[in-house]
Amino acid sequence: MPSQNQSVHSTQREHICFVEFALEILGSKWTILLIHEMMNGPKRFTELRKAIPEASAKILTLRLREMEDAHILTRRCFAETPPHVEYTLTESGLALKSVIEQLRYWGEEFSHIHN
C-alpha cells in the first residue's frame, strides 16, 4: 500500500505533467503574443506581422501552424486575388484569455518592482 508521501508526490507529478503539456503547446516564442493579438477577433497574417515586427514571417507561419495543429486556432482561406487568409481562435484558444490576462497583470505588477 503506497504511503501518504507517495500519494502526494504522485499528485505533484501530475500537476507538473499538466504544466509541461501546456508549455509544449504555448511555450514557443511568440505563441502567447499571437494568441493575445487574436483575443478580440480574427486577424490576417499581415496584421499579426505588424503587431509582432520582431518575429520573422517564417517563424510566425511556423507558430500559427503549430497552434492550428493543437486546435488553438483555425485558418480560413478566402478564394480571392490576392489570397486572403484569416486566423481565428477556437474555443480552446479563447479559453486562454484569462490566463493571458493574468500574465499581463503579473508582468505589469512585476515591472513596477524592477523599475
PDB file of N, CA and C in Angstrom:
ATOM      1  N   MET A   1       0.837  -1.177   0.000  1.00  0.00           N
ATOM      2  CA  MET A   1       0.000   0.000   0.000  1.00  0.00           C
ATOM      3  C   MET A   1       0.888   1.248   0.000  1.00  0.00           C
ATOM      4  N   PRO A   2       0.652   2.217  -0.943  1.00  0.00           N
ATOM      5  CA  PRO A   2       1.504   3.391  -1.001  1.00  0.00           C
ATOM      6  C   PRO A   2       1.317   4.272   0.228  1.00  0.00           C
ATOM      7  N   SER A   3       2.414   4.875   0.652  1.00  0.00           N
ATOM      8  CA  SER A   3       2.344   5.787   1.791  1.00  0.00           C
ATOM      9  C   SER A   3       1.712   7.099   1.360  1.00  0.00           C
ATOM     10  N   GLN A   4       1.368   7.919   2.348  1.00  0.00           N
ATOM     11  CA  GLN A   4       0.767   9.227   2.052  1.00  0.00           C
ATOM     12  C   GLN A   4       1.751  10.096   1.264  1.00  0.00           C
ATOM     13  N   ASN A   5       3.037  10.011   1.567  1.00  0.00           N
ATOM     14  CA  ASN A   5       4.045  10.779   0.840  1.00  0.00           C
ATOM     15  C   ASN A   5       4.090  10.394  -0.631  1.00  0.00           C
ATOM     16  N   GLN A   6       3.950   9.094  -0.931  1.00  0.00           N
ATOM     17  CA  GLN A   6       3.940   8.656  -2.323  1.00  0.00           C
ATOM     18  C   GLN A   6       2.731   9.213  -3.054  1.00  0.00           C
ATOM     19  N   SER A   7       1.590   9.262  -2.379  1.00  0.00           N
ATOM     20  CA  SER A   7       0.379   9.807  -2.983  1.00  0.00           C
ATOM     21  C   SER A   7       0.539  11.295  -3.270  1.00  0.00           C
ATOM     22  N   VAL A   8       1.105  12.050  -2.329  1.00  0.00           N
ATOM     23  CA  VAL A   8       1.342  13.483  -2.527  1.00  0.00           C
ATOM     24  C   VAL A   8       2.318  13.683  -3.671  1.00  0.00           C
ATOM     25  N   HIS A   9       3.378  12.885  -3.705  1.00  0.00           N
ATOM     26  CA  HIS A   9       4.370  13.001  -4.777  1.00  0.00           C
ATOM     27  C   HIS A   9       3.726  12.720  -6.134  1.00  0.00           C
ATOM     28  N   SER A  10       2.889  11.706  -6.196  1.00  0.00           N
ATOM     29  CA  SER A  10       2.203  11.365  -7.442  1.00  0.00           C
ATOM     30  C   SER A  10       1.320  12.519  -7.910  1.00  0.00           C
ATOM     31  N   THR A  11       0.578  13.131  -6.995  1.00  0.00           N
ATOM     32  CA  THR A  11      -0.291  14.264  -7.333  1.00  0.00           C
ATOM     33  C   THR A  11       0.546  15.442  -7.809  1.00  0.00           C
ATOM     34  N   GLN A  12       1.651  15.723  -7.139  1.00  0.00           N
ATOM     35  CA  GLN A  12       2.533  16.816  -7.557  1.00  0.00           C
ATOM     36  C   GLN A  12       3.077  16.557  -8.955  1.00  0.00           C
ATOM     37  N   ARG A  13       3.442  15.329  -9.234  1.00  0.00           N
ATOM     38  CA  ARG A  13       3.976  14.984 -10.557  1.00  0.00           C
ATOM     39  C   ARG A  13       2.913  15.180 -11.635  1.00  0.00           C
ATOM     40  N   GLU A  14       1.676  14.812 -11.332  1.00  0.00           N
ATOM     41  CA  GLU A  14       0.585  15.031 -12.291  1.00  0.00           C
ATOM     42  C   GLU A  14       0.451  16.508 -12.617  1.00  0.00           C
ATOM     43  N   HIS A  15       0.524  17.357 -11.606  1.00  0.00           N
ATOM     44  CA  HIS A  15       0.415  18.799 -11.828  1.00  0.00           C
ATOM     45  C   HIS A  15       1.556  19.296 -12.706  1.00  0.00           C
ATOM     46  N   ILE A  16       2.756  18.802 -12.433  1.00  0.00           N
ATOM     47  CA  ILE A  16       3.912  19.187 -13.253  1.00  0.00           C
ATOM     48  C   ILE A  16       3.708  18.716 -14.688  1.00  0.00           C
ATOM     49  N   CYS A  17       3.195  17.509 -14.866  1.00  0.00           N
ATOM     50  CA  CYS A  17       2.955  16.994 -16.214  1.00  0.00           C
ATOM     51  C   CYS A  17       1.961  17.879 -16.970  1.00  0.00           C
ATOM     52  N   PHE A  18       0.934  18.372 -16.287  1.00  0.00           N
ATOM     53  CA  PHE A  18      -0.033  19.255 -16.941  1.00  0.00           C
ATOM     54  C   PHE A  18       0.612  20.579 -17.341  1.00  0.00           C
ATOM     55  N   VAL A  19       1.501  21.082 -16.497  1.00  0.00           N
ATOM     56  CA  VAL A  19       2.230  22.311 -16.834  1.00  0.00           C
ATOM     57  C   VAL A  19       3.139  22.052 -18.029  1.00  0.00           C
ATOM     58  N   GLU A  20       3.838  20.923 -18.024  1.00  0.00           N
ATOM     59  CA  GLU A  20       4.702  20.559 -19.155  1.00  0.00           C
ATOM     60  C   GLU A  20       3.887  20.447 -20.442  1.00  0.00           C
ATOM     61  N   PHE A  21       2.715  19.829 -20.347  1.00  0.00           N
ATOM     62  CA  PHE A  21       1.852  19.681 -21.514  1.00  0.00           C
ATOM     63  C   PHE A  21       1.447  21.050 -22.053  1.00  0.00           C
ATOM     64  N   ALA A  22       1.028  21.942 -21.168  1.00  0.00           N
ATOM     65  CA  ALA A  22       0.636  23.294 -21.592  1.00  0.00           C
ATOM     66  C   ALA A  22       1.811  24.021 -22.230  1.00  0.00           C
ATOM     67  N   LEU A  23       2.990  23.881 -21.643  1.00  0.00           N
ATOM     68  CA  LEU A  23       4.169  24.565 -22.188  1.00  0.00           C
ATOM     69  C   LEU A  23       4.609  23.999 -23.524  1.00  0.00           C
ATOM     70  N   GLU A  24       4.343  22.718 -23.763  1.00  0.00           N
ATOM     71  CA  GLU A  24       4.650  22.150 -25.080  1.00  0.00           C
ATOM     72  C   GLU A  24       3.875  22.888 -26.169  1.00  0.00           C
ATOM     73  N   ILE A  25       2.672  23.299 -25.859  1.00  0.00           N
ATOM     74  CA  ILE A  25       1.832  23.990 -26.831  1.00  0.00           C
ATOM     75  C   ILE A  25       2.082  25.491 -26.817  1.00  0.00           C
ATOM     76  N   LEU A  26       2.207  26.077 -25.645  1.00  0.00           N
ATOM     77  CA  LEU A  26       2.248  27.530 -25.515  1.00  0.00           C
ATOM     78  C   LEU A  26       3.639  28.105 -25.279  1.00  0.00           C
ATOM     79  N   GLY A  27       4.627  27.261 -25.012  1.00  0.00           N
ATOM     80  CA  GLY A  27       5.930  27.745 -24.592  1.00  0.00           C
ATOM     81  C   GLY A  27       6.856  28.241 -25.683  1.00  0.00           C
ATOM     82  N   SER A  28       6.505  28.060 -26.935  1.00  0.00           N
ATOM     83  CA  SER A  28       7.374  28.538 -28.016  1.00  0.00           C
ATOM     84  C   SER A  28       7.309  30.056 -28.128  1.00  0.00           C
ATOM     85  N   LYS A  29       8.420  30.622 -28.516  1.00  0.00           N
ATOM     86  CA  LYS A  29       8.495  32.076 -28.635  1.00  0.00           C
ATOM     87  C   LYS A  29       7.426  32.595 -29.593  1.00  0.00           C
ATOM     88  N   TRP A  30       6.742  33.628 -29.194  1.00  0.00           N
ATOM     89  CA  TRP A  30       5.712  34.367 -29.926  1.00  0.00           C
ATOM     90  C   TRP A  30       4.318  33.758 -29.825  1.00  0.00           C
ATOM     91  N   THR A  31       4.181  32.528 -29.358  1.00  0.00           N
ATOM     92  CA  THR A  31       2.865  31.881 -29.337  1.00  0.00           C
ATOM     93  C   THR A  31       1.861  32.650 -28.490  1.00  0.00           C
ATOM     94  N   ILE A  32       2.225  32.978 -27.274  1.00  0.00           N
ATOM     95  CA  ILE A  32       1.285  33.679 -26.395  1.00  0.00           C
ATOM     96  C   ILE A  32       0.962  35.069 -26.941  1.00  0.00           C
ATOM     97  N   LEU A  33       1.948  35.737 -27.522  1.00  0.00           N
ATOM     98  CA  LEU A  33       1.672  37.059 -28.111  1.00  0.00           C
ATOM     99  C   LEU A  33       0.726  36.944 -29.300  1.00  0.00           C
ATOM    100  N   LEU A  34       0.863  35.905 -30.092  1.00  0.00           N
ATOM    101  CA  LEU A  34      -0.061  35.690 -31.210  1.00  0.00           C
ATOM    102  C   LEU A  34      -1.480  35.457 -30.695  1.00  0.00           C
ATOM    103  N   ILE A  35      -1.611  34.641 -29.671  1.00  0.00           N
ATOM    104  CA  ILE A  35      -2.931  34.400 -29.093  1.00  0.00           C
ATOM    105  C   ILE A  35      -3.503  35.706 -28.554  1.00  0.00           C
ATOM    106  N   HIS A  36      -2.687  36.464 -27.856  1.00  0.00           N
ATOM    107  CA  HIS A  36      -3.132  37.751 -27.313  1.00  0.00           C
ATOM    108  C   HIS A  36      -3.653  38.670 -28.419  1.00  0.00           C
ATOM    109  N   GLU A  37      -2.971  38.687 -29.544  1.00  0.00           N
ATOM    110  CA  GLU A  37      -3.392  39.537 -30.663  1.00  0.00           C
ATOM    111  C   GLU A  37      -4.740  39.106 -31.242  1.00  0.00           C
ATOM    112  N   MET A  38      -5.070  37.824 -31.139  1.00  0.00           N
ATOM    113  CA  MET A  38      -6.317  37.318 -31.719  1.00  0.00           C
ATOM    114  C   MET A  38      -7.473  37.291 -30.721  1.00  0.00           C
ATOM    115  N   MET A  39      -7.243  37.734 -29.495  1.00  0.00           N
ATOM    116  CA  MET A  39      -8.282  37.676 -28.467  1.00  0.00           C
ATOM    117  C   MET A  39      -9.530  38.483 -28.834  1.00  0.00           C
ATOM    118  N   ASN A  40      -9.360  39.547 -29.602  1.00  0.00           N
ATOM    119  CA  ASN A  40     -10.503  40.402 -29.937  1.00  0.00           C
ATOM    120  C   ASN A  40     -11.079  40.131 -31.313  1.00  0.00           C
ATOM    121  N   GLY A  41     -10.707  39.017 -31.905  1.00  0.00           N
ATOM    122  CA  GLY A  41     -11.295  38.660 -33.184  1.00  0.00           C
ATOM    123  C   GLY A  41     -10.264  38.181 -34.180  1.00  0.00           C
ATOM    124  N   PRO A  42     -10.751  37.747 -35.340  1.00  0.00           N
ATOM    125  CA  PRO A  42      -9.884  37.198 -36.385  1.00  0.00           C
ATOM    126  C   PRO A  42      -8.827  38.214 -36.840  1.00  0.00           C
ATOM    127  N   LYS A  43      -7.693  37.682 -37.237  1.00  0.00           N
ATOM    128  CA  LYS A  43      -6.603  38.524 -37.739  1.00  0.00           C
ATOM    129  C   LYS A  43      -6.026  37.921 -39.008  1.00  0.00           C
ATOM    130  N   ARG A  44      -5.631  38.793 -39.898  1.00  0.00           N
ATOM    131  CA  ARG A  44      -4.907  38.374 -41.090  1.00  0.00           C
ATOM    132  C   ARG A  44      -3.428  38.293 -40.740  1.00  0.00           C
ATOM    133  N   PHE A  45      -2.690  37.548 -41.561  1.00  0.00           N
ATOM    134  CA  PHE A  45      -1.258  37.380 -41.315  1.00  0.00           C
ATOM    135  C   PHE A  45      -0.544  38.732 -41.253  1.00  0.00           C
ATOM    136  N   THR A  46      -0.884  39.625 -42.164  1.00  0.00           N
ATOM    137  CA  THR A  46      -0.206  40.932 -42.180  1.00  0.00           C
ATOM    138  C   THR A  46      -0.469  41.715 -40.892  1.00  0.00           C
ATOM    139  N   GLU A  47      -1.650  41.572 -40.322  1.00  0.00           N
ATOM    140  CA  GLU A  47      -1.942  42.250 -39.052  1.00  0.00           C
ATOM    141  C   GLU A  47      -1.098  41.672 -37.921  1.00  0.00           C
ATOM    142  N   LEU A  48      -0.941  40.362 -37.914  1.00  0.00           N
ATOM    143  CA  LEU A  48      -0.120  39.719 -36.893  1.00  0.00           C
ATOM    144  C   LEU A  48       1.346  40.103 -37.065  1.00  0.00           C
ATOM    145  N   ARG A  49       1.779  40.178 -38.290  1.00  0.00           N
ATOM    146  CA  ARG A  49       3.171  40.558 -38.584  1.00  0.00           C
ATOM    147  C   ARG A  49       3.456  41.980 -38.125  1.00  0.00           C
ATOM    148  N   LYS A  50       2.504  42.890 -38.338  1.00  0.00           N
ATOM    149  CA  LYS A  50       2.672  44.282 -37.882  1.00  0.00           C
ATOM    150  C   LYS A  50       2.656  44.368 -36.360  1.00  0.00           C
ATOM    151  N   ALA A  51       1.848  43.532 -35.724  1.00  0.00           N
ATOM    152  CA  ALA A  51       1.735  43.553 -34.264  1.00  0.00           C
ATOM    153  C   ALA A  51       2.988  43.015 -33.581  1.00  0.00           C
ATOM    154  N   ILE A  52       3.704  42.105 -34.264  1.00  0.00           N
ATOM    155  CA  ILE A  52       4.912  41.487 -33.691  1.00  0.00           C
ATOM    156  C   ILE A  52       6.042  41.601 -34.718  1.00  0.00           C
ATOM    157  N   PRO A  53       6.530  42.815 -34.958  1.00  0.00           N
ATOM    158  CA  PRO A  53       7.531  43.009 -36.018  1.00  0.00           C
ATOM    159  C   PRO A  53       8.877  42.341 -35.740  1.00  0.00           C
ATOM    160  N   GLU A  54       9.145  42.008 -34.477  1.00  0.00           N
ATOM    161  CA  GLU A  54      10.418  41.364 -34.136  1.00  0.00           C
ATOM    162  C   GLU A  54      10.494  39.930 -34.642  1.00  0.00           C
ATOM    163  N   ALA A  55       9.344  39.326 -34.898  1.00  0.00           N
ATOM    164  CA  ALA A  55       9.298  37.935 -35.348  1.00  0.00           C
ATOM    165  C   ALA A  55       9.343  37.879 -36.875  1.00  0.00           C
ATOM    166  N   SER A  56      10.085  36.947 -37.400  1.00  0.00           N
ATOM    167  CA  SER A  56      10.162  36.792 -38.850  1.00  0.00           C
ATOM    168  C   SER A  56       8.869  36.169 -39.371  1.00  0.00           C
ATOM    169  N   ALA A  57       8.612  36.369 -40.643  1.00  0.00           N
ATOM    170  CA  ALA A  57       7.434  35.777 -41.274  1.00  0.00           C
ATOM    171  C   ALA A  57       7.503  34.252 -41.182  1.00  0.00           C
ATOM    172  N   LYS A  58       8.695  33.711 -41.338  1.00  0.00           N
ATOM    173  CA  LYS A  58       8.874  32.258 -41.293  1.00  0.00           C
ATOM    174  C   LYS A  58       8.479  31.694 -39.931  1.00  0.00           C
ATOM    175  N   ILE A  59       8.940  32.331 -38.853  1.00  0.00           N
ATOM    176  CA  ILE A  59       8.651  31.809 -37.522  1.00  0.00           C
ATOM    177  C   ILE A  59       7.181  32.029 -37.159  1.00  0.00           C
ATOM    178  N   LEU A  60       6.590  33.140 -37.596  1.00  0.00           N
ATOM    179  CA  LEU A  60       5.165  33.351 -37.347  1.00  0.00           C
ATOM    180  C   LEU A  60       4.332  32.276 -38.050  1.00  0.00           C
ATOM    181  N   THR A  61       4.687  31.970 -39.274  1.00  0.00           N
ATOM    182  CA  THR A  61       3.988  30.916 -40.019  1.00  0.00           C
ATOM    183  C   THR A  61       4.106  29.588 -39.290  1.00  0.00           C
ATOM    184  N   LEU A  62       5.295  29.272 -38.806  1.00  0.00           N
ATOM    185  CA  LEU A  62       5.514  28.026 -38.057  1.00  0.00           C
ATOM    186  C   LEU A  62       4.653  27.987 -36.800  1.00  0.00           C
ATOM    187  N   ARG A  63       4.652  29.073 -36.033  1.00  0.00           N
ATOM    188  CA  ARG A  63       3.855  29.119 -34.799  1.00  0.00           C
ATOM    189  C   ARG A  63       2.362  28.998 -35.102  1.00  0.00           C
ATOM    190  N   LEU A  64       1.892  29.672 -36.132  1.00  0.00           N
ATOM    191  CA  LEU A  64       0.476  29.588 -36.494  1.00  0.00           C
ATOM    192  C   LEU A  64       0.097  28.160 -36.885  1.00  0.00           C
ATOM    193  N   ARG A  65       0.971  27.481 -37.613  1.00  0.00           N
ATOM    194  CA  ARG A  65       0.703  26.083 -37.984  1.00  0.00           C
ATOM    195  C   ARG A  65       0.670  25.189 -36.750  1.00  0.00           C
ATOM    196  N   GLU A  66       1.599  25.418 -35.816  1.00  0.00           N
ATOM    197  CA  GLU A  66       1.618  24.637 -34.578  1.00  0.00           C
ATOM    198  C   GLU A  66       0.325  24.842 -33.788  1.00  0.00           C
ATOM    199  N   MET A  67      -0.131  26.078 -33.724  1.00  0.00           N
ATOM    200  CA  MET A  67      -1.368  26.358 -32.986  1.00  0.00           C
ATOM    201  C   MET A  67      -2.582  25.776 -33.693  1.00  0.00           C
ATOM    202  N   GLU A  68      -2.550  25.755 -35.010  1.00  0.00           N
ATOM    203  CA  GLU A  68      -3.633  25.128 -35.769  1.00  0.00           C
ATOM    204  C   GLU A  68      -3.653  23.621 -35.498  1.00  0.00           C
ATOM    205  N   ASP A  69      -2.480  23.002 -35.500  1.00  0.00           N
ATOM    206  CA  ASP A  69      -2.378  21.566 -35.212  1.00  0.00           C
ATOM    207  C   ASP A  69      -2.857  21.235 -33.795  1.00  0.00           C
ATOM    208  N   ALA A  70      -2.655  22.184 -32.855  1.00  0.00           N
ATOM    209  CA  ALA A  70      -3.064  21.978 -31.456  1.00  0.00           C
ATOM    210  C   ALA A  70      -4.518  22.401 -31.227  1.00  0.00           C
ATOM    211  N   HIS A  71      -5.192  22.824 -32.287  1.00  0.00           N
ATOM    212  CA  HIS A  71      -6.605  23.247 -32.216  1.00  0.00           C
ATOM    213  C   HIS A  71      -6.804  24.483 -31.342  1.00  0.00           C
ATOM    214  N   ILE A  72      -5.802  25.359 -31.341  1.00  0.00           N
ATOM    215  CA  ILE A  72      -5.892  26.635 -30.632  1.00  0.00           C
ATOM    216  C   ILE A  72      -6.511  27.688 -31.545  1.00  0.00           C
ATOM    217  N   LEU A  73      -6.302  27.519 -32.854  1.00  0.00           N
ATOM    218  CA  LEU A  73      -6.869  28.458 -33.823  1.00  0.00           C
ATOM    219  C   LEU A  73      -7.293  27.717 -35.078  1.00  0.00           C
ATOM    220  N   THR A  74      -8.071  28.416 -35.879  1.00  0.00           N
ATOM    221  CA  THR A  74      -8.438  27.898 -37.197  1.00  0.00           C
ATOM    222  C   THR A  74      -7.913  28.859 -38.245  1.00  0.00           C
ATOM    223  N   ARG A  75      -7.633  28.318 -39.393  1.00  0.00           N
ATOM    224  CA  ARG A  75      -7.118  29.079 -40.532  1.00  0.00           C
ATOM    225  C   ARG A  75      -8.175  29.010 -41.623  1.00  0.00           C
ATOM    226  N   ARG A  76      -8.607  30.173 -42.076  1.00  0.00           N
ATOM    227  CA  ARG A  76      -9.634  30.225 -43.112  1.00  0.00           C
ATOM    228  C   ARG A  76      -9.069  30.938 -44.336  1.00  0.00           C
ATOM    229  N   CYS A  77      -9.128  30.252 -45.470  1.00  0.00           N
ATOM    230  CA  CYS A  77      -8.627  30.813 -46.726  1.00  0.00           C
ATOM    231  C   CYS A  77      -9.805  31.323 -47.545  1.00  0.00           C
ATOM    232  N   PHE A  78      -9.654  32.501 -48.095  1.00  0.00           N
ATOM    233  CA  PHE A  78     -10.659  33.086 -48.963  1.00  0.00           C
ATOM    234  C   PHE A  78     -10.143  33.019 -50.396  1.00  0.00           C
ATOM    235  N   ALA A  79     -10.988  32.579 -51.309  1.00  0.00           N
ATOM    236  CA  ALA A  79     -10.601  32.458 -52.720  1.00  0.00           C
ATOM    237  C   ALA A  79     -10.698  33.832 -53.374  1.00  0.00           C
ATOM    238  N   GLU A  80      -9.664  34.611 -53.171  1.00  0.00           N
ATOM    239  CA  GLU A  80      -9.586  35.955 -53.728  1.00  0.00           C
ATOM    240  C   GLU A  80      -8.209  36.146 -54.340  1.00  0.00           C
ATOM    241  N   THR A  81      -8.089  37.197 -55.098  1.00  0.00           N
ATOM    242  CA  THR A  81      -6.782  37.584 -55.605  1.00  0.00           C
ATOM    243  C   THR A  81      -6.492  38.990 -55.099  1.00  0.00           C
ATOM    244  N   PRO A  82      -5.448  39.172 -54.334  1.00  0.00           N
ATOM    245  CA  PRO A  82      -4.513  38.179 -53.793  1.00  0.00           C
ATOM    246  C   PRO A  82      -5.191  37.320 -52.726  1.00  0.00           C
ATOM    247  N   PRO A  83      -4.601  36.153 -52.450  1.00  0.00           N
ATOM    248  CA  PRO A  83      -5.184  35.264 -51.447  1.00  0.00           C
ATOM    249  C   PRO A  83      -5.323  35.958 -50.091  1.00  0.00           C
ATOM    250  N   HIS A  84      -6.361  35.622 -49.394  1.00  0.00           N
ATOM    251  CA  HIS A  84      -6.664  36.232 -48.102  1.00  0.00           C
ATOM    252  C   HIS A  84      -6.829  35.092 -47.104  1.00  0.00           C
ATOM    253  N   VAL A  85      -6.025  35.115 -46.045  1.00  0.00           N
ATOM    254  CA  VAL A  85      -6.077  34.089 -45.007  1.00  0.00           C
ATOM    255  C   VAL A  85      -6.367  34.787 -43.684  1.00  0.00           C
ATOM    256  N   GLU A  86      -7.249  34.186 -42.909  1.00  0.00           N
ATOM    257  CA  GLU A  86      -7.639  34.763 -41.630  1.00  0.00           C
ATOM    258  C   GLU A  86      -7.490  33.708 -40.542  1.00  0.00           C
ATOM    259  N   TYR A  87      -6.970  34.120 -39.404  1.00  0.00           N
ATOM    260  CA  TYR A  87      -6.767  33.233 -38.264  1.00  0.00           C
ATOM    261  C   TYR A  87      -7.729  33.629 -37.153  1.00  0.00           C
ATOM    262  N   THR A  88      -8.416  32.623 -36.593  1.00  0.00           N
ATOM    263  CA  THR A  88      -9.392  32.851 -35.532  1.00  0.00           C
ATOM    264  C   THR A  88      -9.151  31.849 -34.414  1.00  0.00           C
ATOM    265  N   LEU A  89      -9.229  32.317 -33.175  1.00  0.00           N
ATOM    266  CA  LEU A  89      -9.072  31.401 -32.046  1.00  0.00           C
ATOM    267  C   LEU A  89     -10.273  30.472 -31.938  1.00  0.00           C
ATOM    268  N   THR A  90     -10.004  29.243 -31.589  1.00  0.00           N
ATOM    269  CA  THR A  90     -11.058  28.269 -31.319  1.00  0.00           C
ATOM    270  C   THR A  90     -11.543  28.487 -29.876  1.00  0.00           C
ATOM    271  N   GLU A  91     -12.484  27.682 -29.448  1.00  0.00           N
ATOM    272  CA  GLU A  91     -12.926  27.725 -28.051  1.00  0.00           C
ATOM    273  C   GLU A  91     -11.753  27.478 -27.111  1.00  0.00           C
ATOM    274  N   SER A  92     -10.908  26.519 -27.474  1.00  0.00           N
ATOM    275  CA  SER A  92      -9.727  26.225 -26.651  1.00  0.00           C
ATOM    276  C   SER A  92      -8.786  27.426 -26.591  1.00  0.00           C
ATOM    277  N   GLY A  93      -8.631  28.107 -27.702  1.00  0.00           N
ATOM    278  CA  GLY A  93      -7.794  29.297 -27.730  1.00  0.00           C
ATOM    279  C   GLY A  93      -8.381  30.420 -26.906  1.00  0.00           C
ATOM    280  N   LEU A  94      -9.688  30.625 -27.041  1.00  0.00           N
ATOM    281  CA  LEU A  94     -10.360  31.678 -26.272  1.00  0.00           C
ATOM    282  C   LEU A  94     -10.343  31.380 -24.774  1.00  0.00           C
ATOM    283  N   ALA A  95     -10.295  30.096 -24.412  1.00  0.00           N
ATOM    284  CA  ALA A  95     -10.241  29.718 -23.000  1.00  0.00           C
ATOM    285  C   ALA A  95      -8.948  30.198 -22.343  1.00  0.00           C
ATOM    286  N   LEU A  96      -7.952  30.574 -23.136  1.00  0.00           N
ATOM    287  CA  LEU A  96      -6.680  31.065 -22.604  1.00  0.00           C
ATOM    288  C   LEU A  96      -6.727  32.547 -22.234  1.00  0.00           C
ATOM    289  N   LYS A  97      -7.822  33.211 -22.553  1.00  0.00           N
ATOM    290  CA  LYS A  97      -7.917  34.659 -22.310  1.00  0.00           C
ATOM    291  C   LYS A  97      -7.612  35.021 -20.854  1.00  0.00           C
ATOM    292  N   SER A  98      -8.217  34.318 -19.913  1.00  0.00           N
ATOM    293  CA  SER A  98      -7.985  34.656 -18.507  1.00  0.00           C
ATOM    294  C   SER A  98      -6.534  34.392 -18.108  1.00  0.00           C
ATOM    295  N   VAL A  99      -5.946  33.344 -18.661  1.00  0.00           N
ATOM    296  CA  VAL A  99      -4.544  33.024 -18.364  1.00  0.00           C
ATOM    297  C   VAL A  99      -3.637  34.146 -18.883  1.00  0.00           C
ATOM    298  N   ILE A 100      -3.884  34.583 -20.094  1.00  0.00           N
ATOM    299  CA  ILE A 100      -3.061  35.633 -20.700  1.00  0.00           C
ATOM    300  C   ILE A 100      -3.273  36.963 -19.996  1.00  0.00           C
ATOM    301  N   GLU A 101      -4.503  37.244 -19.581  1.00  0.00           N
ATOM    302  CA  GLU A 101      -4.767  38.463 -18.807  1.00  0.00           C
ATOM    303  C   GLU A 101      -4.018  38.430 -17.482  1.00  0.00           C
ATOM    304  N   GLN A 102      -3.967  37.269 -16.840  1.00  0.00           N
ATOM    305  CA  GLN A 102      -3.216  37.143 -15.592  1.00  0.00           C
ATOM    306  C   GLN A 102      -1.719  37.343 -15.831  1.00  0.00           C
ATOM    307  N   LEU A 103      -1.202  36.826 -16.938  1.00  0.00           N
ATOM    308  CA  LEU A 103       0.206  37.062 -17.284  1.00  0.00           C
ATOM    309  C   LEU A 103       0.474  38.551 -17.504  1.00  0.00           C
ATOM    310  N   ARG A 104      -0.446  39.210 -18.193  1.00  0.00           N
ATOM    311  CA  ARG A 104      -0.307  40.649 -18.428  1.00  0.00           C
ATOM    312  C   ARG A 104      -0.294  41.395 -17.099  1.00  0.00           C
ATOM    313  N   TYR A 105      -1.240  41.056 -16.227  1.00  0.00           N
ATOM    314  CA  TYR A 105      -1.333  41.699 -14.926  1.00  0.00           C
ATOM    315  C   TYR A 105      -0.050  41.461 -14.121  1.00  0.00           C
ATOM    316  N   TRP A 106       0.422  40.217 -14.094  1.00  0.00           N
ATOM    317  CA  TRP A 106       1.646  39.900 -13.371  1.00  0.00           C
ATOM    318  C   TRP A 106       2.822  40.688 -13.947  1.00  0.00           C
ATOM    319  N   GLY A 107       2.927  40.737 -15.278  1.00  0.00           N
ATOM    320  CA  GLY A 107       4.007  41.483 -15.916  1.00  0.00           C
ATOM    321  C   GLY A 107       3.968  42.952 -15.563  1.00  0.00           C
ATOM    322  N   GLU A 108       2.770  43.515 -15.527  1.00  0.00           N
ATOM    323  CA  GLU A 108       2.624  44.930 -15.163  1.00  0.00           C
ATOM    324  C   GLU A 108       3.075  45.163 -13.725  1.00  0.00           C
ATOM    325  N   GLU A 109       2.608  44.322 -12.810  1.00  0.00           N
ATOM    326  CA  GLU A 109       2.988  44.459 -11.402  1.00  0.00           C
ATOM    327  C   GLU A 109       4.477  44.221 -11.204  1.00  0.00           C
ATOM    328  N   PHE A 110       5.004  43.186 -11.820  1.00  0.00           N
ATOM    329  CA  PHE A 110       6.408  42.837 -11.667  1.00  0.00           C
ATOM    330  C   PHE A 110       7.317  43.918 -12.256  1.00  0.00           C
ATOM    331  N   SER A 111       6.887  44.538 -13.353  1.00  0.00           N
ATOM    332  CA  SER A 111       7.711  45.593 -13.967  1.00  0.00           C
ATOM    333  C   SER A 111       7.832  46.803 -13.048  1.00  0.00           C
ATOM    334  N   HIS A 112       6.814  47.080 -12.239  1.00  0.00           N
ATOM    335  CA  HIS A 112       6.885  48.205 -11.295  1.00  0.00           C
ATOM    336  C   HIS A 112       7.914  47.949 -10.210  1.00  0.00           C
ATOM    337  N   ILE A 113       8.071  46.695  -9.836  1.00  0.00           N
ATOM    338  CA  ILE A 113       9.055  46.342  -8.817  1.00  0.00           C
ATOM    339  C   ILE A 113      10.468  46.577  -9.336  1.00  0.00           C
ATOM    340  N   HIS A 114      10.675  46.337 -10.625  1.00  0.00           N
ATOM    341  CA  HIS A 114      12.021  46.409 -11.213  1.00  0.00           C
ATOM    342  C   HIS A 114      12.323  47.718 -11.920  1.00  0.00           C
ATOM    343  N   ASN A 115      11.437  48.664 -11.858  1.00  0.00           N
ATOM    344  CA  ASN A 115      11.701  49.975 -12.494  1.00  0.00           C
ATOM    345  C   ASN A 115      11.893  51.048 -11.461  1.00  0.00           C
TER     346      ASN A 115
END
